[in-house]
Amino acid sequence: MIFQIDNLKFELSSPFDISIGMHSGFGQVNAWYAPPFRISPVKMEGFVGSTKLGGSVNFMNFQCNPHGNGTHTECLGHITKEDYFVNECVKEYFYLAEVISVYPTLLENGDKIIDAKHIEAMVSHQGTARGIVIRTLPNDGEKMARQYTETNPPYITTEAMQLIVDYGFDHLMIDTPSVDREKDEGKLACHHIFWNYPNHPQTHRSITELIYVPDSVKDGLYLLQNQIVNIRMDAVPSRPLLYKPL
């Protein structure tokens, strides 16, 4: 199937999946001290929801903290006192997005930052792309199962986030647990800049974190489809897919 947008054509049959899936057990990504994603069968008197345990059907519960258990998309409800929900705020599921790769700058205090110079140097489709996908380097496969809590992962500076907004990006994706520093005294400055909260809230914008962009995906312009779970929360599990132009 061919999809066309802005005179660009995309083949929809072979996307690049840039999400990190969730599963029970060891070897899954985690951040923010979140309890691990867990799947367990419903158990009641005379019934067990697992065919492996002798039940007639699989009937499972799952425990999930979207912010800490895998790829998730969040809306401005993440930082507001007012209720905003991803499935009501985010209405754009197909859009052009630019993938960029960045070596974060190592500071003397050990912080690794993505600053405005990185954005200026790498972005070339501002005004065309509605989304930006940031891959941090080095890009090892350990990101798929990394335990991020207390590791101070790379983050975006406020100057870089303001530039991302100025370039007109409404959807931001990154392969770290947050656009902000792990410990920032609760300021979440980049989140506030991106959603322009509380001055003029941009309810349509989204941030997607804990993605993984494989090396087979080259920097450049793609069609992005973000599959978002229909749950009324500030953040929900998501599955962003990239389609290469023909």
Protein backbone atom coordinates (compact mmCIF):
# COMPACT_ATOMS: atom_id res chain seq x y z
CA MET A 1 0.00 0.00 0.00
CA ILE A 2 1.34 3.44 -0.98
CA PHE A 3 0.73 6.54 1.16
CA GLN A 4 1.42 10.03 -0.20
CA ILE A 5 1.94 13.24 1.72
CA ASP A 6 3.55 16.52 0.60
CA ASN A 7 4.53 14.95 -2.75
CA LEU A 8 6.39 12.16 -0.93
CA LYS A 9 5.38 8.52 -1.29
CA PHE A 10 5.79 5.83 1.37
CA GLU A 11 5.37 2.07 1.30
CA LEU A 12 3.33 1.04 4.35
CA SER A 13 4.06 -2.68 4.25
CA SER A 14 7.51 -2.60 5.90
CA PRO A 15 7.81 -0.08 8.74
CA PHE A 16 10.66 0.35 11.19
CA ASP A 17 9.31 -0.28 14.69
CA ILE A 18 11.04 2.14 17.09
CA SER A 19 9.17 1.10 20.23
CA ILE A 20 10.42 -1.01 23.12
CA GLY A 21 7.85 -3.68 23.87
CA MET A 22 6.71 -4.68 27.35
CA HIS A 23 6.81 -8.19 28.79
CA SER A 24 6.94 -10.02 32.10
CA GLY A 25 10.17 -11.17 33.64
CA PHE A 26 13.76 -10.04 33.46
CA GLY A 27 15.46 -8.20 30.62
CA GLN A 28 13.03 -5.33 30.24
CA VAL A 29 13.73 -1.61 30.32
CA ASN A 30 12.85 0.31 33.48
CA ALA A 31 13.11 3.84 34.88
CA TRP A 32 11.98 6.05 37.75
CA TYR A 33 11.86 3.24 40.33
CA ALA A 34 8.71 2.01 38.61
CA PRO A 35 7.51 -1.50 39.46
CA PRO A 36 8.27 -3.78 36.52
CA PHE A 37 5.66 -4.57 33.90
CA ARG A 38 3.96 -7.78 34.99
CA ILE A 39 1.45 -10.20 33.49
CA SER A 40 -0.43 -12.60 35.76
CA PRO A 41 -3.47 -14.85 35.39
CA VAL A 42 -6.77 -14.11 37.09
CA LYS A 43 -7.30 -16.58 39.91
CA MET A 44 -10.66 -17.23 41.58
CA GLU A 45 -12.21 -20.19 43.35
CA GLY A 46 -12.28 -23.00 40.83
CA PHE A 47 -10.76 -20.90 38.05
CA VAL A 48 -7.30 -19.98 36.85
CA GLY A 49 -6.81 -17.83 33.74
CA SER A 50 -3.87 -19.76 32.34
CA THR A 51 -3.92 -22.79 30.07
CA LYS A 52 -0.39 -23.60 31.28
CA LEU A 53 -1.73 -23.87 34.82
CA GLY A 54 -4.66 -26.06 33.81
CA GLY A 55 -7.22 -23.42 32.92
CA SER A 56 -9.43 -23.63 29.85
CA VAL A 57 -8.51 -20.12 28.62
CA ASN A 58 -5.85 -17.47 29.05
CA PHE A 59 -7.37 -14.56 31.02
CA MET A 60 -4.64 -12.20 32.19
CA ASN A 61 -4.18 -9.02 34.17
CA PHE A 62 -1.21 -6.76 33.58
CA GLN A 63 0.50 -4.15 35.75
CA CYS A 64 2.00 -1.19 33.95
CA ASN A 65 3.51 2.19 34.74
CA PRO A 66 3.77 3.82 31.28
CA HIS A 67 6.46 6.31 32.28
CA GLY A 68 8.83 3.65 33.57
CA ASN A 69 8.03 0.41 31.76
CA GLY A 70 8.71 1.08 28.08
CA THR A 71 7.90 3.28 25.12
CA HIS A 72 5.15 5.72 26.03
CA THR A 73 3.56 8.89 24.72
CA GLU A 74 2.57 11.67 27.08
CA CYS A 75 0.56 14.87 26.85
CA LEU A 76 0.75 18.04 28.92
CA GLY A 77 -1.36 16.32 31.59
CA HIS A 78 1.96 14.91 32.80
CA ILE A 79 2.79 18.26 34.43
CA THR A 80 -0.58 19.98 34.99
CA LYS A 81 -2.99 20.16 37.90
CA GLU A 82 -5.81 20.10 35.36
CA ASP A 83 -6.79 16.79 33.79
CA TYR A 84 -5.48 16.26 30.26
CA PHE A 85 -5.40 12.84 28.64
CA VAL A 86 -3.31 11.56 25.74
CA ASN A 87 -6.24 9.91 23.94
CA GLU A 88 -8.12 13.22 23.96
CA CYS A 89 -5.25 15.65 23.30
CA VAL A 90 -3.25 13.87 20.60
CA LYS A 91 -5.22 13.75 17.35
CA GLU A 92 -2.38 13.47 14.84
CA TYR A 93 -1.25 9.89 14.27
CA PHE A 94 0.43 10.18 10.83
CA TYR A 95 2.93 12.97 10.18
CA LEU A 96 6.36 13.63 8.70
CA ALA A 97 9.19 13.29 11.19
CA GLU A 98 12.92 13.86 11.03
CA VAL A 99 15.30 11.36 12.62
CA ILE A 100 18.54 12.84 13.94
CA SER A 101 21.47 11.21 15.75
CA VAL A 102 23.30 13.07 18.51
CA TYR A 103 26.42 12.45 20.57
CA PRO A 104 25.51 14.19 23.84
CA THR A 105 28.12 16.56 25.25
CA LEU A 106 29.78 15.36 28.46
CA LEU A 107 29.98 18.08 31.11
CA GLU A 108 32.48 18.28 33.97
CA ASN A 109 29.78 17.24 36.47
CA GLY A 110 29.13 14.05 34.52
CA ASP A 111 25.91 15.22 32.87
CA LYS A 112 25.40 14.37 29.20
CA ILE A 113 23.39 17.01 27.39
CA ILE A 114 21.74 17.60 24.04
CA ASP A 115 22.16 21.31 23.47
CA ALA A 116 21.03 23.85 20.89
CA LYS A 117 24.19 23.35 18.82
CA HIS A 118 23.25 19.70 18.29
CA ILE A 119 19.77 20.65 17.08
CA GLU A 120 21.08 23.40 14.81
CA ALA A 121 23.67 21.11 13.27
CA MET A 122 21.47 18.06 12.70
CA VAL A 123 17.98 19.33 11.83
CA SER A 124 17.42 20.07 8.15
CA HIS A 125 13.65 19.59 7.68
CA GLN A 126 12.21 22.23 10.00
CA GLY A 127 9.04 23.62 8.48
CA THR A 128 8.37 20.30 6.72
CA ALA A 129 8.50 17.74 9.51
CA ARG A 130 5.94 17.89 12.32
CA GLY A 131 7.92 15.52 14.49
CA ILE A 132 11.53 15.08 15.58
CA VAL A 133 13.03 11.72 16.60
CA ILE A 134 16.27 11.95 18.60
CA ARG A 135 18.62 8.96 18.71
CA THR A 136 21.46 9.30 21.22
CA LEU A 137 24.87 7.83 20.45
CA PRO A 138 26.39 5.38 21.06
CA ASN A 139 23.31 3.37 20.10
CA ASP A 140 23.87 -0.01 21.74
CA GLY A 141 21.13 -2.60 21.98
CA GLU A 142 21.34 -2.51 25.77
CA LYS A 143 18.90 0.40 25.61
CA MET A 144 16.18 -2.21 25.08
CA ALA A 145 16.62 -3.53 28.63
CA ARG A 146 18.55 -0.81 30.48
CA GLN A 147 17.83 -0.02 34.13
CA TYR A 148 17.85 3.78 34.03
CA THR A 149 17.05 4.63 37.64
CA GLU A 150 19.87 6.63 39.30
CA THR A 151 22.00 6.65 36.13
CA ASN A 152 21.51 10.32 35.14
CA PRO A 153 20.76 9.63 31.44
CA PRO A 154 21.32 12.23 28.69
CA TYR A 155 18.78 15.04 28.60
CA ILE A 156 17.84 18.11 26.56
CA THR A 157 18.85 21.61 27.65
CA THR A 158 16.22 24.33 27.89
CA GLU A 159 17.89 26.24 25.04
CA ALA A 160 17.69 23.18 22.79
CA MET A 161 14.06 22.57 23.71
CA GLN A 162 13.18 26.16 22.90
CA LEU A 163 14.82 25.72 19.51
CA ILE A 164 12.81 22.54 18.89
CA VAL A 165 9.65 24.54 19.61
CA ASP A 166 10.82 27.43 17.43
CA TYR A 167 11.44 25.01 14.56
CA GLY A 168 7.76 24.06 14.70
CA PHE A 169 7.97 20.47 15.93
CA ASP A 170 4.73 19.34 17.62
CA HIS A 171 5.83 15.81 18.40
CA LEU A 172 9.12 14.90 20.06
CA MET A 173 10.52 11.39 20.47
CA ILE A 174 13.69 10.43 22.31
CA ASP A 175 15.40 7.20 23.39
CA THR A 176 15.93 8.28 27.02
CA PRO A 177 13.49 8.16 29.95
CA SER A 178 12.92 11.92 29.91
CA VAL A 179 13.66 15.12 28.03
CA ASP A 180 14.63 16.60 31.42
CA ARG A 181 17.41 15.75 33.84
CA GLU A 182 16.65 12.75 36.06
CA LYS A 183 16.98 14.89 39.18
CA ASP A 184 16.00 18.50 38.59
CA GLU A 185 14.12 19.35 41.81
CA GLY A 186 10.81 18.70 40.07
CA LYS A 187 11.17 21.64 37.67
CA LEU A 188 10.66 19.65 34.43
CA ALA A 189 11.69 22.81 32.60
CA CYS A 190 11.84 21.25 29.12
CA HIS A 191 8.38 19.73 29.51
CA HIS A 192 7.05 23.16 30.43
CA ILE A 193 8.77 24.83 27.47
CA PHE A 194 7.51 22.24 24.98
CA TRP A 195 3.91 22.51 26.12
CA ASN A 196 4.19 26.25 26.87
CA TYR A 197 2.59 25.66 30.23
CA PRO A 198 1.06 27.48 32.03
CA ASN A 199 1.23 30.54 29.75
CA HIS A 200 -0.43 29.16 26.61
CA PRO A 201 -0.85 25.37 26.85
CA GLN A 202 -0.28 23.48 23.60
CA THR A 203 -2.61 20.56 24.15
CA HIS A 204 -1.97 18.96 20.73
CA ARG A 205 1.75 18.38 21.30
CA SER A 206 3.18 15.06 22.45
CA ILE A 207 6.41 13.71 23.91
CA THR A 208 7.34 10.06 23.42
CA GLU A 209 10.15 8.61 25.53
CA LEU A 210 12.06 5.34 25.83
CA ILE A 211 12.05 4.57 22.11
CA TYR A 212 14.80 2.64 20.38
CA VAL A 213 15.88 3.60 16.85
CA PRO A 214 17.93 0.74 15.31
CA ASP A 215 21.05 1.54 13.30
CA SER A 216 19.28 0.37 10.15
CA VAL A 217 17.24 3.58 10.34
CA LYS A 218 19.32 6.34 8.77
CA ASP A 219 18.97 10.00 9.68
CA GLY A 220 16.45 11.83 7.54
CA LEU A 221 12.78 12.37 6.79
CA TYR A 222 10.19 9.64 7.36
CA LEU A 223 6.47 9.16 7.65
CA LEU A 224 5.72 8.43 11.29
CA GLN A 225 2.68 6.62 12.61
CA ASN A 226 2.24 6.67 16.37
CA GLN A 227 -0.09 3.95 17.62
CA ILE A 228 -1.44 5.15 20.97
CA VAL A 229 -3.41 3.05 23.46
CA ASN A 230 -6.90 4.47 24.05
CA ILE A 231 -6.70 5.04 27.81
CA ARG A 232 -7.57 8.25 29.68
CA MET A 233 -4.18 8.92 31.26
CA ASP A 234 -1.46 11.55 31.01
CA ALA A 235 0.80 8.91 29.43
CA VAL A 236 0.05 5.62 27.71
CA PRO A 237 2.06 2.83 26.06
CA SER A 238 2.66 3.55 22.40
CA ARG A 239 4.18 2.01 19.28
CA PRO A 240 5.73 4.53 16.87
CA LEU A 241 6.46 3.21 13.38
CA LEU A 242 8.67 4.84 10.72
CA TYR A 243 8.12 4.48 6.98
CA LYS A 244 10.94 5.24 4.54
CA PRO A 245 10.14 7.38 1.50
CA LEU A 246 10.21 5.68 -1.92
